[in-house]
Each structure stands twice: as C-alpha cells, then as structure tokens.
Amino acid sequence: MNKYAISSRIFHWSSGLLILFLFGLGLWMCSLDYYHPWYQDGPHLHKSLGLLLLFIIVLRMINRFLLPITKPLANHQPWEKKLAHVVHWVLYAGLFIIMISGYFIATSDNRGIDVFSLFTFPVFFEAFDQQEDIAGFIHEWAAYILMGLVSLHVAGALKHHFIDKDLTLKRML
C-alpha cells in the first residue's frame, strides 16, 4: 500500500492533535476573566505546548527531508497533487508564523518563557513598541487562517476516503 513511515505518521497525528488542542485552549483562554483559576495556568500550558509543537514540527521537517518521499497515488489528478503540495507548505508556513508571533507575545516583557516549569526558553530579541499587540493580532488571525487550511486538509482526506474510495487516508493511519 506504500504507507507513510511510522515516524511520519506519529509526527503527523501528534502535531495535528496538538494544533487542535492549542487552538481550542487559545479560544478558551480569551474568555477567562482575571479571577478565573486558569487565568495564569492556561497561558503557561499554551506557551509550553506551543514550544513542544515547535520541537515536533522541526523534527517532522527533518524527518520529511531524511526519508524517501511517499508518492501520491496514481489515481490522483495533477491539480490534486499540486493543491496538496501547496496546502502542506502553507500549513507549515502558517504554523511558523503562529509560533513566531506567539514567541513575540510571550517575550514582550523581555522575560523568557517558562516551559512546563522545567526550564526557561530565552529571549532572543529585545521587545519593540506595541510588540504584544502587533504579535497578538498576527497570532490570532494566523490561527484562524490555519484552522481554515486544516479544514481543507481534513476535507481532502475525507474526499479521498469516502468519495474516491482510495487509500490516501489509510496510508496515514
């Protein structure tokens, strides 16, 4: 069946689930008031998991370049192959935009990011004027756009599975 490598499947599903969880957590955090018990813990978890996601995505990209490329199925149309390729790279770009803007939000006070209370991820850039506001705007809208792309990605996988009845989805399971 020419399945994806187990490492590729683990990186795909772990990053996918983490992305969905981080998006949901981010939405929920925005609704918390100052006196909510998770007002401090939610952002701490969000930042820690965001840095874990960065680590997973970097490993995923290394994995992608080290392993042979899994070829598209023969029945895929040229436009499907091109669209899938473009969507995958735009997903990666969106993730990096979200993670970089999240880093700028978290370090806008020139303090490093406490990661799971285990270590501090350092500040690499001195804060600029309105850093938190600008980065927050980018972070929020990039997350919404990413969720639209994730929806397109899922819809494509489901189309292949239920309409085309091919092995696209099964190769990633």
N, C-alpha and C. Protein backbone atom coordinates (compact mmCIF):
# COMPACT_ATOMS: atom_id res chain seq x y z
N MET A 1 0.83 -1.20 0.00
CA MET A 1 0.00 0.00 0.00
C MET A 1 0.87 1.26 0.00
N ASN A 2 2.16 1.15 0.24
CA ASN A 2 3.06 2.31 0.27
C ASN A 2 2.64 3.32 1.34
N LYS A 3 2.57 2.82 2.58
CA LYS A 3 2.19 3.67 3.72
C LYS A 3 3.30 4.68 4.02
N TYR A 4 2.93 5.72 4.72
CA TYR A 4 3.92 6.65 5.23
C TYR A 4 4.70 5.97 6.34
N ALA A 5 5.94 6.37 6.56
CA ALA A 5 6.78 5.80 7.61
C ALA A 5 6.10 6.03 8.97
N ILE A 6 6.35 5.14 9.90
CA ILE A 6 5.74 5.26 11.23
C ILE A 6 6.11 6.59 11.88
N SER A 7 7.35 7.04 11.69
CA SER A 7 7.76 8.33 12.26
C SER A 7 6.93 9.47 11.66
N SER A 8 6.68 9.41 10.36
CA SER A 8 5.87 10.44 9.70
C SER A 8 4.45 10.44 10.25
N ARG A 9 3.89 9.24 10.45
CA ARG A 9 2.53 9.14 10.97
C ARG A 9 2.45 9.65 12.41
N ILE A 10 3.44 9.32 13.22
CA ILE A 10 3.44 9.80 14.61
C ILE A 10 3.55 11.32 14.64
N PHE A 11 4.46 11.88 13.85
CA PHE A 11 4.60 13.34 13.82
C PHE A 11 3.33 14.00 13.29
N HIS A 12 2.72 13.43 12.26
CA HIS A 12 1.50 13.99 11.68
C HIS A 12 0.38 14.05 12.70
N TRP A 13 0.07 12.92 13.33
CA TRP A 13 -1.07 12.86 14.24
C TRP A 13 -0.80 13.59 15.55
N SER A 14 0.42 13.53 16.07
CA SER A 14 0.70 14.24 17.32
C SER A 14 0.66 15.75 17.09
N SER A 15 1.23 16.21 15.99
CA SER A 15 1.17 17.66 15.73
C SER A 15 -0.26 18.09 15.41
N GLY A 16 -1.00 17.29 14.67
CA GLY A 16 -2.38 17.63 14.36
C GLY A 16 -3.24 17.77 15.60
N LEU A 17 -3.15 16.79 16.49
CA LEU A 17 -3.93 16.85 17.73
C LEU A 17 -3.50 18.02 18.60
N LEU A 18 -2.20 18.26 18.66
CA LEU A 18 -1.69 19.37 19.46
C LEU A 18 -2.15 20.71 18.90
N ILE A 19 -2.17 20.84 17.58
CA ILE A 19 -2.64 22.08 16.94
C ILE A 19 -4.10 22.34 17.29
N LEU A 20 -4.94 21.32 17.19
CA LEU A 20 -6.35 21.47 17.53
C LEU A 20 -6.53 21.82 19.00
N PHE A 21 -5.77 21.15 19.88
CA PHE A 21 -5.87 21.44 21.31
C PHE A 21 -5.43 22.87 21.61
N LEU A 22 -4.31 23.30 21.01
CA LEU A 22 -3.81 24.66 21.25
C LEU A 22 -4.81 25.70 20.76
N PHE A 23 -5.44 25.45 19.62
CA PHE A 23 -6.44 26.39 19.11
C PHE A 23 -7.61 26.50 20.09
N GLY A 24 -8.12 25.35 20.52
CA GLY A 24 -9.22 25.36 21.49
C GLY A 24 -8.84 26.02 22.80
N LEU A 25 -7.64 25.71 23.29
CA LEU A 25 -7.16 26.33 24.53
C LEU A 25 -7.02 27.84 24.36
N GLY A 26 -6.50 28.27 23.21
CA GLY A 26 -6.36 29.70 22.95
C GLY A 26 -7.70 30.42 22.94
N LEU A 27 -8.69 29.82 22.29
CA LEU A 27 -10.03 30.43 22.29
C LEU A 27 -10.59 30.51 23.71
N TRP A 28 -10.44 29.43 24.45
CA TRP A 28 -10.97 29.38 25.81
C TRP A 28 -10.27 30.40 26.71
N MET A 29 -8.95 30.52 26.56
CA MET A 29 -8.20 31.47 27.40
C MET A 29 -8.69 32.90 27.20
N CYS A 30 -9.09 33.22 25.99
CA CYS A 30 -9.55 34.59 25.71
C CYS A 30 -10.84 34.92 26.44
N SER A 31 -11.56 33.90 26.88
CA SER A 31 -12.82 34.14 27.59
C SER A 31 -12.65 34.20 29.11
N LEU A 32 -11.46 33.92 29.60
CA LEU A 32 -11.25 33.87 31.05
C LEU A 32 -11.13 35.26 31.64
N ASP A 33 -11.73 35.45 32.81
CA ASP A 33 -11.53 36.73 33.49
C ASP A 33 -10.36 36.60 34.47
N TYR A 34 -9.94 37.71 34.99
CA TYR A 34 -8.75 37.78 35.84
C TYR A 34 -8.84 36.86 37.05
N TYR A 35 -10.03 36.60 37.56
CA TYR A 35 -10.18 35.81 38.78
C TYR A 35 -10.40 34.32 38.52
N HIS A 36 -10.41 33.94 37.27
CA HIS A 36 -10.58 32.52 36.95
C HIS A 36 -9.30 31.76 37.34
N PRO A 37 -9.46 30.56 37.92
CA PRO A 37 -8.27 29.81 38.34
C PRO A 37 -7.29 29.49 37.21
N TRP A 38 -7.78 29.43 35.98
CA TRP A 38 -6.90 29.11 34.85
C TRP A 38 -6.35 30.35 34.14
N TYR A 39 -6.60 31.53 34.71
CA TYR A 39 -6.13 32.76 34.07
C TYR A 39 -4.61 32.77 33.89
N GLN A 40 -3.87 32.22 34.86
CA GLN A 40 -2.41 32.12 34.77
C GLN A 40 -1.98 30.78 34.18
N ASP A 41 -2.66 29.70 34.60
CA ASP A 41 -2.25 28.35 34.18
C ASP A 41 -2.52 28.08 32.70
N GLY A 42 -3.60 28.62 32.16
CA GLY A 42 -3.92 28.42 30.75
C GLY A 42 -2.82 28.94 29.83
N PRO A 43 -2.41 30.20 29.98
CA PRO A 43 -1.32 30.70 29.14
C PRO A 43 -0.01 29.94 29.34
N HIS A 44 0.28 29.53 30.58
CA HIS A 44 1.50 28.76 30.83
C HIS A 44 1.47 27.45 30.04
N LEU A 45 0.34 26.75 30.10
CA LEU A 45 0.19 25.50 29.36
C LEU A 45 0.25 25.75 27.85
N HIS A 46 -0.41 26.80 27.40
CA HIS A 46 -0.44 27.14 25.97
C HIS A 46 0.98 27.41 25.45
N LYS A 47 1.76 28.19 26.19
CA LYS A 47 3.14 28.50 25.76
C LYS A 47 4.01 27.25 25.79
N SER A 48 3.88 26.45 26.83
CA SER A 48 4.69 25.24 26.93
C SER A 48 4.36 24.27 25.81
N LEU A 49 3.08 24.06 25.55
CA LEU A 49 2.68 23.16 24.47
C LEU A 49 3.04 23.74 23.10
N GLY A 50 2.99 25.06 22.97
CA GLY A 50 3.40 25.70 21.72
C GLY A 50 4.87 25.44 21.42
N LEU A 51 5.71 25.50 22.45
CA LEU A 51 7.13 25.20 22.24
C LEU A 51 7.35 23.71 21.99
N LEU A 52 6.55 22.85 22.60
CA LEU A 52 6.61 21.43 22.30
C LEU A 52 6.24 21.20 20.83
N LEU A 53 5.20 21.89 20.37
CA LEU A 53 4.80 21.78 18.97
C LEU A 53 5.93 22.25 18.05
N LEU A 54 6.60 23.33 18.39
CA LEU A 54 7.73 23.80 17.59
C LEU A 54 8.78 22.70 17.47
N PHE A 55 9.10 22.05 18.57
CA PHE A 55 10.07 20.96 18.59
C PHE A 55 9.60 19.82 17.68
N ILE A 56 8.34 19.44 17.79
CA ILE A 56 7.79 18.36 16.97
C ILE A 56 7.82 18.73 15.49
N ILE A 57 7.47 19.97 15.16
CA ILE A 57 7.44 20.40 13.75
C ILE A 57 8.86 20.41 13.17
N VAL A 58 9.83 20.87 13.95
CA VAL A 58 11.22 20.85 13.47
C VAL A 58 11.66 19.40 13.22
N LEU A 59 11.37 18.50 14.16
CA LEU A 59 11.69 17.08 13.96
C LEU A 59 10.94 16.52 12.75
N ARG A 60 9.70 16.94 12.59
CA ARG A 60 8.89 16.47 11.46
C ARG A 60 9.50 16.89 10.13
N MET A 61 9.98 18.12 10.07
CA MET A 61 10.59 18.61 8.83
C MET A 61 11.91 17.89 8.55
N ILE A 62 12.70 17.66 9.59
CA ILE A 62 13.94 16.89 9.42
C ILE A 62 13.60 15.49 8.91
N ASN A 63 12.61 14.86 9.54
CA ASN A 63 12.15 13.53 9.14
C ASN A 63 11.71 13.52 7.68
N ARG A 64 11.00 14.57 7.29
CA ARG A 64 10.49 14.67 5.92
C ARG A 64 11.62 14.71 4.89
N PHE A 65 12.73 15.39 5.24
CA PHE A 65 13.84 15.50 4.31
C PHE A 65 14.76 14.28 4.34
N LEU A 66 14.76 13.54 5.44
CA LEU A 66 15.63 12.36 5.54
C LEU A 66 15.03 11.11 4.91
N LEU A 67 13.71 10.99 4.94
CA LEU A 67 13.06 9.79 4.42
C LEU A 67 12.70 9.96 2.95
N PRO A 68 12.61 8.84 2.24
CA PRO A 68 12.13 8.95 0.85
C PRO A 68 10.70 9.48 0.83
N ILE A 69 10.39 10.25 -0.18
CA ILE A 69 9.06 10.84 -0.30
C ILE A 69 8.06 9.76 -0.67
N THR A 70 6.94 9.72 0.06
CA THR A 70 5.85 8.81 -0.29
C THR A 70 5.11 9.43 -1.47
N LYS A 71 5.07 8.70 -2.55
CA LYS A 71 4.48 9.22 -3.79
C LYS A 71 2.96 9.27 -3.69
N PRO A 72 2.35 10.27 -4.35
CA PRO A 72 0.88 10.30 -4.43
C PRO A 72 0.39 9.06 -5.17
N LEU A 73 -0.84 8.71 -4.94
CA LEU A 73 -1.42 7.57 -5.63
C LEU A 73 -1.61 7.90 -7.11
N ALA A 74 -1.56 6.86 -7.93
CA ALA A 74 -1.63 7.04 -9.38
C ALA A 74 -2.95 7.68 -9.83
N ASN A 75 -4.04 7.43 -9.06
CA ASN A 75 -5.34 7.95 -9.48
C ASN A 75 -5.54 9.43 -9.13
N HIS A 76 -4.60 10.04 -8.44
CA HIS A 76 -4.73 11.46 -8.09
C HIS A 76 -4.54 12.32 -9.34
N GLN A 77 -5.41 13.29 -9.46
CA GLN A 77 -5.34 14.22 -10.58
C GLN A 77 -4.16 15.18 -10.38
N PRO A 78 -3.59 15.71 -11.44
CA PRO A 78 -2.48 16.65 -11.29
C PRO A 78 -2.83 17.85 -10.40
N TRP A 79 -4.06 18.37 -10.52
CA TRP A 79 -4.45 19.52 -9.70
C TRP A 79 -4.52 19.13 -8.22
N GLU A 80 -4.91 17.89 -7.92
CA GLU A 80 -4.96 17.42 -6.53
C GLU A 80 -3.56 17.34 -5.93
N LYS A 81 -2.64 16.83 -6.72
CA LYS A 81 -1.25 16.72 -6.27
C LYS A 81 -0.67 18.11 -5.97
N LYS A 82 -0.92 19.03 -6.90
CA LYS A 82 -0.40 20.40 -6.73
C LYS A 82 -1.05 21.08 -5.52
N LEU A 83 -2.38 20.95 -5.40
CA LEU A 83 -3.09 21.57 -4.28
C LEU A 83 -2.61 20.99 -2.95
N ALA A 84 -2.44 19.67 -2.89
CA ALA A 84 -1.97 19.04 -1.65
C ALA A 84 -0.58 19.56 -1.29
N HIS A 85 0.29 19.68 -2.28
CA HIS A 85 1.65 20.17 -2.04
C HIS A 85 1.62 21.61 -1.50
N VAL A 86 0.84 22.46 -2.16
CA VAL A 86 0.75 23.86 -1.74
C VAL A 86 0.15 23.98 -0.34
N VAL A 87 -0.94 23.25 -0.07
CA VAL A 87 -1.59 23.33 1.24
C VAL A 87 -0.64 22.86 2.34
N HIS A 88 0.12 21.79 2.10
CA HIS A 88 1.06 21.32 3.12
C HIS A 88 2.10 22.39 3.45
N TRP A 89 2.67 23.02 2.44
CA TRP A 89 3.70 24.03 2.71
C TRP A 89 3.10 25.30 3.31
N VAL A 90 1.89 25.65 2.94
CA VAL A 90 1.23 26.80 3.56
C VAL A 90 0.89 26.48 5.02
N LEU A 91 0.53 25.23 5.30
CA LEU A 91 0.30 24.82 6.70
C LEU A 91 1.58 25.01 7.52
N TYR A 92 2.71 24.55 6.98
CA TYR A 92 3.98 24.73 7.68
C TYR A 92 4.28 26.22 7.89
N ALA A 93 4.11 27.01 6.84
CA ALA A 93 4.38 28.45 6.95
C ALA A 93 3.46 29.08 8.00
N GLY A 94 2.18 28.72 7.98
CA GLY A 94 1.24 29.24 8.96
C GLY A 94 1.63 28.86 10.38
N LEU A 95 2.05 27.62 10.56
CA LEU A 95 2.49 27.19 11.89
C LEU A 95 3.67 28.02 12.38
N PHE A 96 4.63 28.26 11.50
CA PHE A 96 5.79 29.06 11.93
C PHE A 96 5.40 30.51 12.21
N ILE A 97 4.49 31.07 11.43
CA ILE A 97 4.01 32.43 11.70
C ILE A 97 3.34 32.47 13.08
N ILE A 98 2.52 31.48 13.36
CA ILE A 98 1.82 31.43 14.66
C ILE A 98 2.83 31.26 15.80
N MET A 99 3.79 30.39 15.61
CA MET A 99 4.76 30.14 16.69
C MET A 99 5.68 31.34 16.91
N ILE A 100 6.10 31.99 15.85
CA ILE A 100 6.95 33.17 16.00
C ILE A 100 6.17 34.31 16.64
N SER A 101 4.95 34.53 16.20
CA SER A 101 4.16 35.61 16.81
C SER A 101 3.83 35.27 18.26
N GLY A 102 3.59 34.00 18.56
CA GLY A 102 3.36 33.59 19.95
C GLY A 102 4.59 33.84 20.81
N TYR A 103 5.76 33.58 20.25
CA TYR A 103 7.01 33.86 20.95
C TYR A 103 7.11 35.36 21.25
N PHE A 104 6.76 36.20 20.27
CA PHE A 104 6.83 37.65 20.48
C PHE A 104 5.81 38.13 21.52
N ILE A 105 4.65 37.48 21.57
CA ILE A 105 3.67 37.83 22.61
C ILE A 105 4.26 37.49 23.98
N ALA A 106 4.75 36.26 24.09
CA ALA A 106 5.23 35.75 25.38
C ALA A 106 6.46 36.47 25.90
N THR A 107 7.26 37.02 24.99
CA THR A 107 8.50 37.69 25.42
C THR A 107 8.41 39.21 25.34
N SER A 108 7.21 39.73 25.21
CA SER A 108 7.05 41.19 25.08
C SER A 108 7.46 41.93 26.35
N ASP A 109 7.58 41.22 27.47
CA ASP A 109 8.05 41.84 28.71
C ASP A 109 9.54 41.57 28.93
N ASN A 110 10.23 41.12 27.88
CA ASN A 110 11.67 40.81 27.91
C ASN A 110 12.03 39.72 28.92
N ARG A 111 11.07 38.83 29.21
CA ARG A 111 11.34 37.65 30.05
C ARG A 111 11.19 36.41 29.20
N GLY A 112 12.01 35.39 29.49
CA GLY A 112 11.93 34.13 28.78
C GLY A 112 10.61 33.41 29.06
N ILE A 113 10.41 32.31 28.38
CA ILE A 113 9.18 31.53 28.51
C ILE A 113 9.44 30.33 29.40
N ASP A 114 8.71 30.25 30.50
CA ASP A 114 8.80 29.11 31.41
C ASP A 114 8.11 27.92 30.73
N VAL A 115 8.87 26.85 30.52
CA VAL A 115 8.35 25.68 29.81
C VAL A 115 8.10 24.55 30.79
N PHE A 116 6.82 24.28 31.05
CA PHE A 116 6.39 23.22 31.97
C PHE A 116 7.10 23.31 33.32
N SER A 117 7.51 24.49 33.73
CA SER A 117 8.24 24.71 34.98
C SER A 117 9.53 23.88 35.05
N LEU A 118 10.07 23.52 33.89
CA LEU A 118 11.30 22.74 33.83
C LEU A 118 12.52 23.57 33.44
N PHE A 119 12.31 24.50 32.52
CA PHE A 119 13.40 25.37 32.07
C PHE A 119 12.78 26.62 31.44
N THR A 120 13.62 27.59 31.18
CA THR A 120 13.17 28.84 30.58
C THR A 120 13.74 28.95 29.17
N PHE A 121 12.83 29.11 28.21
CA PHE A 121 13.24 29.36 26.82
C PHE A 121 13.63 30.83 26.73
N PRO A 122 14.82 31.13 26.23
CA PRO A 122 15.34 32.51 26.34
C PRO A 122 14.69 33.52 25.39
N VAL A 123 14.91 34.79 25.72
CA VAL A 123 14.52 35.90 24.86
C VAL A 123 15.67 36.14 23.89
N PHE A 124 15.40 36.13 22.60
CA PHE A 124 16.44 36.34 21.59
C PHE A 124 16.43 37.75 21.01
N PHE A 125 15.30 38.46 21.18
CA PHE A 125 15.15 39.79 20.60
C PHE A 125 14.62 40.73 21.65
N GLU A 126 15.16 41.93 21.69
CA GLU A 126 14.62 42.92 22.62
C GLU A 126 13.25 43.37 22.11
N ALA A 127 12.34 43.58 23.04
CA ALA A 127 10.98 43.95 22.68
C ALA A 127 10.94 45.29 21.94
N PHE A 128 9.96 45.42 21.04
CA PHE A 128 9.75 46.66 20.31
C PHE A 128 8.40 47.25 20.73
N ASP A 129 8.14 48.48 20.35
CA ASP A 129 6.90 49.15 20.73
C ASP A 129 5.69 48.36 20.24
N GLN A 130 4.73 48.21 21.11
CA GLN A 130 3.46 47.53 20.84
C GLN A 130 3.66 46.08 20.37
N GLN A 131 4.73 45.46 20.81
CA GLN A 131 5.06 44.10 20.39
C GLN A 131 3.93 43.13 20.71
N GLU A 132 3.40 43.19 21.92
CA GLU A 132 2.36 42.25 22.33
C GLU A 132 1.09 42.43 21.49
N ASP A 133 0.72 43.68 21.21
CA ASP A 133 -0.49 43.94 20.43
C ASP A 133 -0.34 43.50 18.97
N ILE A 134 0.78 43.85 18.37
CA ILE A 134 1.02 43.50 16.96
C ILE A 134 1.12 41.99 16.81
N ALA A 135 1.93 41.37 17.65
CA ALA A 135 2.10 39.92 17.58
C ALA A 135 0.79 39.21 17.91
N GLY A 136 0.03 39.76 18.84
CA GLY A 136 -1.26 39.15 19.21
C GLY A 136 -2.23 39.16 18.05
N PHE A 137 -2.28 40.27 17.31
CA PHE A 137 -3.14 40.37 16.13
C PHE A 137 -2.75 39.32 15.09
N ILE A 138 -1.45 39.23 14.81
CA ILE A 138 -0.95 38.26 13.82
C ILE A 138 -1.24 36.84 14.30
N HIS A 139 -0.97 36.57 15.56
CA HIS A 139 -1.16 35.24 16.14
C HIS A 139 -2.62 34.79 16.02
N GLU A 140 -3.52 35.67 16.37
CA GLU A 140 -4.94 35.33 16.33
C GLU A 140 -5.42 35.05 14.91
N TRP A 141 -5.12 35.96 13.99
CA TRP A 141 -5.64 35.79 12.63
C TRP A 141 -4.94 34.66 11.89
N ALA A 142 -3.67 34.46 12.16
CA ALA A 142 -2.97 33.32 11.54
C ALA A 142 -3.55 32.00 12.05
N ALA A 143 -3.96 31.97 13.32
CA ALA A 143 -4.57 30.75 13.87
C ALA A 143 -5.91 30.48 13.19
N TYR A 144 -6.71 31.51 12.96
CA TYR A 144 -7.99 31.31 12.26
C TYR A 144 -7.75 30.82 10.83
N ILE A 145 -6.81 31.42 10.15
CA ILE A 145 -6.49 31.01 8.77
C ILE A 145 -5.97 29.57 8.77
N LEU A 146 -5.12 29.24 9.75
CA LEU A 146 -4.61 27.87 9.85
C LEU A 146 -5.75 26.88 10.03
N MET A 147 -6.73 27.22 10.86
CA MET A 147 -7.86 26.30 11.06
C MET A 147 -8.65 26.11 9.77
N GLY A 148 -8.74 27.16 8.94
CA GLY A 148 -9.37 27.02 7.63
C GLY A 148 -8.59 26.05 6.75
N LEU A 149 -7.26 26.16 6.77
CA LEU A 149 -6.43 25.25 5.99
C LEU A 149 -6.49 23.82 6.53
N VAL A 150 -6.53 23.69 7.85
CA VAL A 150 -6.68 22.36 8.45
C VAL A 150 -8.01 21.75 8.00
N SER A 151 -9.06 22.56 7.95
CA SER A 151 -10.36 22.07 7.49
C SER A 151 -10.29 21.61 6.03
N LEU A 152 -9.57 22.35 5.20
CA LEU A 152 -9.37 21.96 3.80
C LEU A 152 -8.59 20.65 3.73
N HIS A 153 -7.58 20.51 4.56
CA HIS A 153 -6.76 19.29 4.62
C HIS A 153 -7.62 18.08 5.01
N VAL A 154 -8.42 18.25 6.05
CA VAL A 154 -9.30 17.16 6.51
C VAL A 154 -10.34 16.84 5.44
N ALA A 155 -10.92 17.87 4.83
CA ALA A 155 -11.92 17.64 3.78
C ALA A 155 -11.31 16.86 2.61
N GLY A 156 -10.08 17.19 2.26
CA GLY A 156 -9.41 16.47 1.18
C GLY A 156 -9.20 15.00 1.53
N ALA A 157 -8.77 14.75 2.77
CA ALA A 157 -8.56 13.36 3.20
C ALA A 157 -9.88 12.59 3.20
N LEU A 158 -10.94 13.23 3.68
CA LEU A 158 -12.25 12.56 3.70
C LEU A 158 -12.80 12.34 2.29
N LYS A 159 -12.56 13.30 1.40
CA LYS A 159 -12.97 13.14 0.00
C LYS A 159 -12.30 11.91 -0.61
N HIS A 160 -10.99 11.79 -0.38
CA HIS A 160 -10.28 10.63 -0.92
C HIS A 160 -10.82 9.33 -0.34
N HIS A 161 -11.14 9.34 0.93
CA HIS A 161 -11.57 8.12 1.60
C HIS A 161 -13.00 7.71 1.23
N PHE A 162 -13.93 8.68 1.28
CA PHE A 162 -15.34 8.34 1.11
C PHE A 162 -15.86 8.50 -0.31
N ILE A 163 -15.33 9.44 -1.07
CA ILE A 163 -15.84 9.66 -2.43
C ILE A 163 -14.98 8.91 -3.45
N ASP A 164 -13.66 9.15 -3.40
CA ASP A 164 -12.76 8.47 -4.35
C ASP A 164 -12.52 7.01 -3.96
N LYS A 165 -12.73 6.72 -2.68
CA LYS A 165 -12.51 5.36 -2.13
C LYS A 165 -11.11 4.86 -2.43
N ASP A 166 -10.13 5.75 -2.26
CA ASP A 166 -8.74 5.33 -2.45
C ASP A 166 -8.04 5.18 -1.10
N LEU A 167 -6.76 4.93 -1.13
CA LEU A 167 -6.01 4.60 0.09
C LEU A 167 -5.29 5.80 0.72
N THR A 168 -5.59 7.00 0.28
CA THR A 168 -4.89 8.18 0.78
C THR A 168 -4.90 8.26 2.30
N LEU A 169 -6.07 8.19 2.88
CA LEU A 169 -6.19 8.30 4.35
C LEU A 169 -5.59 7.09 5.04
N LYS A 170 -5.83 5.90 4.51
CA LYS A 170 -5.33 4.68 5.15
C LYS A 170 -3.81 4.63 5.20
N ARG A 171 -3.16 5.29 4.23
CA ARG A 171 -1.68 5.31 4.25
C ARG A 171 -1.14 6.11 5.42
N MET A 172 -1.96 7.03 5.96
CA MET A 172 -1.51 7.86 7.08
C MET A 172 -2.01 7.32 8.42
N LEU A 173 -2.81 6.26 8.39
CA LEU A 173 -3.30 5.66 9.65
C LEU A 173 -2.40 4.53 10.11
